[in-house]
Amino acid sequence: MNSELQQTIDAHRNLFGISNTLVHGRPPLTHVKEDLEQVLAGVRELVYIPYAYGNMDKIIDILTPAFKDMGVKTVKSPHNYPNQETQVILDAEAIFIGGGNTGRLVANLWALRNTDGSLVDQRPNSSKNPLVNSIRERASQGTWIIGSSAGLNVMCSDIRATNDMQAAVQELSDGSRVLRIDGIGLLPGNLSINPHFQDSVVVTDEEREKILEINPKLRVLIDHQGESRTERLTQLQEMDNKRVILALREGSYITVHGKEMNLHGNIGGLIFEYGKEPRAVSNGDRLDQLLSI
């Protein structure tokens, strides 16, 4: 990675990172509209990167009304311009990296190919060319890069704090397979972000019985014996104890201007550091320290 370009990105980046795009019972992006429409003020054409999502055209159709309600005139996607994907990004006034499967997104951001030349993402409209360098170039120029869910996760250099089953697996010439965890690198190398963070819910036996009386279908949730999200993130840090993780509950989002980071949204999140209790952060908190780890 070019250190001079990285320094320029660090100084000029404008990032808007959202834990979740969709809100139950409400139109998409309503929880960030007040701030996001300020970011998009004057943006006529938004470039939406949809590769994480299964049906790319469908998600663009779902979200386009929300963007137009914020003043955007048109939404353009690289997947509709095969072999011109990088130019679409280089011409972008603002870029939105959408959610879905993080591994599938990584496969397209890097246009990962197997030894035989086949694309790791074999969908017909997957990206034929790597997009990362073009996104980094636009970030270095101060272009707004907006990411939601998986799109927020890949702003980091390392995507291991994702919640997804991974799909970015390359087959090598010796027959072995390798999992790619490379994000775009718009944030420090030791910082990971976990969107959609869910707190552990512990109930007493008495509370459990009352809940099941009201709704027996909730048994599958309150009797769940798998690891909690907190345990999963802690396990990651046990393998990489320099890694700091910002976990954002749904409804939370961050803005980054150069070396300044702010947390927004009434529900907040947690900062995980190895060997320490998770630290709560909330709406309005400055998180600049996470940009210098």
Protein backbone atom coordinates (compact mmCIF):
# COMPACT_ATOMS: atom_id res chain seq x y z
CA MET A 1 0.00 0.00 0.00
CA ASN A 2 1.38 3.40 -1.02
CA SER A 3 2.25 5.22 2.23
CA GLU A 4 1.97 8.66 0.64
CA LEU A 5 -1.52 7.88 -0.66
CA GLN A 6 -2.47 6.51 2.77
CA GLN A 7 -1.34 9.74 4.42
CA THR A 8 -3.42 11.75 1.94
CA ILE A 9 -6.46 9.56 2.65
CA ASP A 10 -5.97 9.97 6.40
CA ALA A 11 -5.87 13.75 6.02
CA HIS A 12 -8.75 14.24 3.57
CA ARG A 13 -11.17 11.32 3.99
CA ASN A 14 -14.87 11.99 4.44
CA LEU A 15 -16.61 8.82 5.59
CA PHE A 16 -20.19 8.14 6.67
CA GLY A 17 -20.57 4.64 8.15
CA ILE A 18 -24.00 3.22 9.00
CA SER A 19 -24.68 0.08 11.03
CA ASN A 20 -27.86 -0.76 9.11
CA THR A 21 -29.63 0.44 5.96
CA LEU A 22 -33.11 -0.90 6.61
CA VAL A 23 -35.21 -0.03 9.64
CA HIS A 24 -38.12 -2.22 10.72
CA GLY A 25 -41.43 -0.64 9.81
CA ARG A 26 -39.87 2.50 8.31
CA PRO A 27 -38.49 3.53 4.90
CA PRO A 28 -34.78 2.82 4.31
CA LEU A 29 -32.22 5.21 5.79
CA THR A 30 -34.78 7.26 7.73
CA HIS A 31 -32.64 7.00 10.88
CA VAL A 32 -29.74 8.82 9.18
CA LYS A 33 -31.66 11.08 6.80
CA GLU A 34 -31.07 14.35 8.63
CA ASP A 35 -27.29 14.02 8.50
CA LEU A 36 -26.99 12.06 5.24
CA GLU A 37 -28.97 14.55 3.18
CA GLN A 38 -26.47 17.22 4.26
CA VAL A 39 -23.67 14.98 2.97
CA LEU A 40 -25.53 14.48 -0.31
CA ALA A 41 -26.45 18.15 -0.75
CA GLY A 42 -25.49 19.12 -4.28
CA VAL A 43 -24.82 15.50 -5.35
CA ARG A 44 -26.64 14.96 -8.62
CA GLU A 45 -25.46 11.42 -9.32
CA LEU A 46 -24.68 8.89 -6.59
CA VAL A 47 -22.58 5.81 -7.36
CA TYR A 48 -23.99 2.82 -5.48
CA ILE A 49 -21.79 -0.28 -5.10
CA PRO A 50 -24.26 -3.17 -4.70
CA TYR A 51 -22.07 -6.28 -4.98
CA ALA A 52 -22.73 -7.49 -1.42
CA TYR A 53 -26.43 -7.93 -2.16
CA GLY A 54 -27.90 -10.95 -3.92
CA ASN A 55 -30.17 -9.12 -6.37
CA MET A 56 -28.27 -5.96 -7.21
CA ASP A 57 -30.96 -4.32 -9.32
CA LYS A 58 -33.57 -4.98 -6.66
CA ILE A 59 -31.67 -3.27 -3.83
CA ILE A 60 -30.98 -0.24 -6.01
CA ASP A 61 -34.70 -0.01 -6.82
CA ILE A 62 -35.50 -0.23 -3.10
CA LEU A 63 -33.06 2.51 -2.07
CA THR A 64 -33.28 4.92 -5.00
CA PRO A 65 -36.45 6.66 -3.67
CA ALA A 66 -34.66 7.32 -0.37
CA PHE A 67 -31.70 8.90 -2.16
CA LYS A 68 -33.94 10.98 -4.40
CA ASP A 69 -35.80 12.19 -1.33
CA MET A 70 -32.43 13.56 -0.18
CA GLY A 71 -31.93 15.46 -3.43
CA VAL A 72 -29.97 12.95 -5.56
CA LYS A 73 -31.13 12.96 -9.18
CA THR A 74 -29.81 9.59 -10.36
CA VAL A 75 -28.24 6.46 -8.86
CA LYS A 76 -25.58 4.73 -10.95
CA SER A 77 -24.00 1.32 -10.32
CA PRO A 78 -20.73 -0.11 -11.69
CA HIS A 79 -22.40 -3.49 -12.27
CA ASN A 80 -24.32 -1.96 -15.16
CA TYR A 81 -21.07 -0.93 -16.86
CA PRO A 82 -19.01 -4.11 -17.34
CA ASN A 83 -15.30 -3.44 -17.82
CA GLN A 84 -15.89 0.24 -17.09
CA GLU A 85 -16.43 -0.23 -13.34
CA THR A 86 -13.34 1.69 -12.24
CA GLN A 87 -14.14 4.70 -14.41
CA VAL A 88 -17.65 4.88 -12.95
CA ILE A 89 -16.08 5.18 -9.50
CA LEU A 90 -13.41 7.68 -10.57
CA ASP A 91 -16.19 9.94 -11.92
CA ALA A 92 -18.30 9.65 -8.75
CA GLU A 93 -19.58 12.70 -6.90
CA ALA A 94 -20.27 10.46 -3.88
CA ILE A 95 -20.04 6.71 -3.34
CA PHE A 96 -22.39 4.47 -1.34
CA ILE A 97 -21.16 0.93 -0.57
CA GLY A 98 -24.23 -1.13 0.23
CA GLY A 99 -24.81 -4.03 2.59
CA GLY A 100 -25.30 -7.75 2.17
CA ASN A 101 -22.66 -10.47 2.37
CA THR A 102 -19.26 -9.02 3.26
CA GLY A 103 -17.29 -11.84 1.64
CA ARG A 104 -19.15 -11.44 -1.62
CA LEU A 105 -18.44 -7.71 -1.49
CA VAL A 106 -14.72 -8.35 -0.90
CA ALA A 107 -14.63 -10.71 -3.87
CA ASN A 108 -15.90 -7.91 -6.11
CA LEU A 109 -13.91 -5.06 -4.60
CA TRP A 110 -10.76 -6.96 -5.51
CA ALA A 111 -12.25 -8.80 -8.55
CA LEU A 112 -10.81 -11.96 -7.03
CA ARG A 113 -9.99 -14.73 -9.50
CA ASN A 114 -9.04 -18.35 -9.08
CA THR A 115 -5.92 -19.79 -10.68
CA ASP A 116 -7.94 -20.88 -13.72
CA GLY A 117 -8.99 -17.27 -14.30
CA SER A 118 -12.58 -17.68 -13.13
CA LEU A 119 -14.04 -15.01 -10.89
CA VAL A 120 -14.64 -15.98 -7.26
CA ASP A 121 -18.08 -14.34 -7.54
CA GLN A 122 -19.43 -16.15 -10.57
CA ARG A 123 -22.59 -14.07 -11.00
CA PRO A 124 -22.79 -12.65 -14.56
CA ASN A 125 -22.80 -9.05 -13.33
CA SER A 126 -19.95 -9.36 -10.81
CA SER A 127 -17.10 -6.86 -11.11
CA LYS A 128 -14.52 -7.77 -13.74
CA ASN A 129 -12.02 -5.22 -12.44
CA PRO A 130 -10.69 -4.35 -8.96
CA LEU A 131 -12.45 -1.35 -7.43
CA VAL A 132 -10.35 -0.73 -4.32
CA ASN A 133 -7.72 1.57 -5.83
CA SER A 134 -10.38 3.74 -7.46
CA ILE A 135 -12.28 4.09 -4.18
CA ARG A 136 -9.08 4.94 -2.34
CA GLU A 137 -8.23 7.54 -4.96
CA ARG A 138 -11.62 9.22 -4.52
CA ALA A 139 -11.27 9.08 -0.72
CA SER A 140 -7.89 10.82 -0.96
CA GLN A 141 -9.62 13.66 -2.83
CA GLY A 142 -12.21 14.13 -0.10
CA THR A 143 -15.11 12.49 -1.95
CA TRP A 144 -17.74 11.24 0.46
CA ILE A 145 -17.57 7.46 0.86
CA ILE A 146 -20.71 6.14 2.54
CA GLY A 147 -20.93 2.54 3.72
CA SER A 148 -23.74 0.63 5.37
CA SER A 149 -23.52 -2.74 7.13
CA ALA A 150 -21.07 -4.76 4.98
CA GLY A 151 -20.19 -1.51 3.25
CA LEU A 152 -19.11 -0.06 6.60
CA ASN A 153 -17.19 -3.20 7.53
CA VAL A 154 -15.05 -3.04 4.37
CA MET A 155 -13.95 0.53 5.09
CA CYS A 156 -11.49 -1.18 7.43
CA SER A 157 -8.36 -2.99 6.28
CA ASP A 158 -9.50 -6.25 7.90
CA ILE A 159 -13.08 -7.53 7.70
CA ARG A 160 -12.91 -10.27 10.33
CA ALA A 161 -15.39 -8.48 12.61
CA THR A 162 -18.12 -9.14 10.05
CA ASN A 163 -21.16 -11.21 11.04
CA ASP A 164 -21.28 -13.15 7.76
CA MET A 165 -20.34 -16.59 6.57
CA GLN A 166 -17.44 -15.79 4.28
CA ALA A 167 -17.53 -16.15 0.52
CA ALA A 168 -14.23 -14.65 -0.63
CA VAL A 169 -12.34 -17.94 -1.05
CA GLN A 170 -9.77 -18.27 -3.83
CA GLU A 171 -8.49 -21.54 -5.25
CA LEU A 172 -4.71 -21.51 -5.71
CA SER A 173 -2.54 -23.33 -8.23
CA ASP A 174 -1.58 -26.05 -5.76
CA GLY A 175 -5.25 -26.86 -5.13
CA SER A 176 -5.35 -25.15 -1.76
CA ARG A 177 -7.87 -22.47 -0.88
CA VAL A 178 -7.37 -19.13 0.85
CA LEU A 179 -9.89 -16.87 2.57
CA ARG A 180 -9.48 -13.18 1.74
CA ILE A 181 -10.15 -10.74 4.58
CA ASP A 182 -8.91 -7.56 2.90
CA GLY A 183 -11.03 -4.44 3.13
CA ILE A 184 -10.43 -1.08 1.44
CA GLY A 185 -8.21 0.41 4.15
CA LEU A 186 -9.80 3.79 4.72
CA LEU A 187 -9.36 3.37 8.49
CA PRO A 188 -6.35 2.28 10.61
CA GLY A 189 -5.10 -1.26 10.10
CA ASN A 190 -5.77 -2.32 13.70
CA LEU A 191 -9.36 -1.03 13.74
CA SER A 192 -12.29 -3.29 12.86
CA ILE A 193 -15.98 -2.42 12.90
CA ASN A 194 -18.82 -4.78 13.76
CA PRO A 195 -22.19 -3.53 12.46
CA HIS A 196 -25.55 -4.85 13.70
CA PHE A 197 -24.09 -5.48 17.17
CA GLN A 198 -26.49 -7.32 19.47
CA ASP A 199 -26.14 -7.32 23.23
CA SER A 200 -26.48 -10.57 25.15
CA VAL A 201 -29.88 -11.04 26.78
CA VAL A 202 -29.88 -12.96 30.08
CA VAL A 203 -33.17 -13.88 31.73
CA THR A 204 -33.98 -15.69 34.96
CA ASP A 205 -35.99 -18.91 34.96
CA GLU A 206 -39.00 -16.97 36.19
CA GLU A 207 -38.65 -14.37 33.42
CA ARG A 208 -38.22 -17.14 30.85
CA GLU A 209 -41.50 -18.81 31.83
CA LYS A 210 -43.38 -15.50 31.66
CA ILE A 211 -41.95 -14.77 28.21
CA LEU A 212 -42.88 -18.22 26.91
CA GLU A 213 -46.42 -17.83 28.21
CA ILE A 214 -46.78 -14.71 26.11
CA ASN A 215 -45.08 -16.10 23.01
CA PRO A 216 -43.80 -19.72 22.88
CA LYS A 217 -42.02 -18.96 19.59
CA LEU A 218 -39.43 -16.94 21.51
CA ARG A 219 -38.01 -20.19 22.96
CA VAL A 220 -35.55 -20.44 20.05
CA LEU A 221 -34.09 -17.07 21.06
CA ILE A 222 -33.95 -17.22 24.83
CA ASP A 223 -32.72 -20.83 24.89
CA HIS A 224 -29.96 -20.19 22.36
CA GLN A 225 -26.66 -21.76 23.51
CA GLY A 226 -24.28 -20.49 20.83
CA GLU A 227 -21.69 -17.82 21.45
CA SER A 228 -22.90 -14.26 21.89
CA ARG A 229 -21.63 -11.48 19.63
CA THR A 230 -19.47 -10.25 22.50
CA GLU A 231 -17.87 -13.70 22.83
CA ARG A 232 -17.20 -13.86 19.09
CA LEU A 233 -15.47 -10.48 19.06
CA THR A 234 -13.44 -11.40 22.13
CA GLN A 235 -12.33 -14.61 20.40
CA LEU A 236 -11.07 -12.55 17.46
CA GLN A 237 -9.00 -10.40 19.80
CA GLU A 238 -7.54 -13.47 21.47
CA MET A 239 -6.01 -14.29 18.09
CA ASP A 240 -5.07 -10.67 17.32
CA ASN A 241 -4.65 -8.79 20.59
CA LYS A 242 -3.72 -5.47 18.98
CA ARG A 243 -7.06 -5.31 17.21
CA VAL A 244 -9.58 -2.75 18.47
CA ILE A 245 -13.21 -3.30 17.52
CA LEU A 246 -15.93 -0.69 17.35
CA ALA A 247 -19.27 -2.50 17.69
CA LEU A 248 -22.28 -0.46 16.53
CA ARG A 249 -25.84 -1.31 17.45
CA GLU A 250 -28.47 -0.90 14.76
CA GLY A 251 -29.42 2.74 14.50
CA SER A 252 -25.88 3.99 15.13
CA TYR A 253 -23.53 5.57 12.61
CA ILE A 254 -20.18 7.31 12.44
CA THR A 255 -18.77 10.25 10.52
CA VAL A 256 -15.08 10.68 9.83
CA HIS A 257 -13.49 13.92 8.64
CA GLY A 258 -9.75 13.48 8.24
CA LYS A 259 -8.56 12.57 11.74
CA GLU A 260 -11.85 13.31 13.50
CA MET A 261 -14.46 10.62 14.19
CA ASN A 262 -17.88 11.16 15.74
CA LEU A 263 -20.57 8.71 16.85
CA HIS A 264 -24.23 9.38 16.13
CA GLY A 265 -27.54 7.67 16.88
CA ASN A 266 -29.34 7.26 20.17
CA ILE A 267 -28.51 3.57 20.71
CA GLY A 268 -24.69 3.78 20.74
CA GLY A 269 -22.19 0.97 20.77
CA LEU A 270 -19.11 -0.54 22.44
CA ILE A 271 -15.35 -0.38 22.02
CA PHE A 272 -13.55 -3.71 22.52
CA GLU A 273 -9.89 -3.68 23.49
CA TYR A 274 -8.01 -6.84 24.38
CA GLY A 275 -7.93 -7.61 28.10
CA LYS A 276 -10.40 -4.85 29.00
CA GLU A 277 -14.12 -4.71 29.64
CA PRO A 278 -16.01 -3.35 26.62
CA ARG A 279 -16.40 0.42 26.91
CA ALA A 280 -19.76 2.00 26.11
CA VAL A 281 -19.90 4.92 23.66
CA SER A 282 -22.94 6.99 22.81
CA ASN A 283 -24.39 9.68 20.59
CA GLY A 284 -22.09 12.70 20.29
CA ASP A 285 -18.93 10.98 21.51
CA ARG A 286 -15.67 11.87 19.79
CA LEU A 287 -13.77 8.72 18.81
CA ASP A 288 -10.64 10.34 17.37
CA GLN A 289 -8.45 7.97 19.38
CA LEU A 290 -9.58 5.11 17.16
CA LEU A 291 -7.95 6.82 14.18
CA SER A 292 -4.48 6.69 15.72
CA ILE A 293 -4.26 3.07 16.92
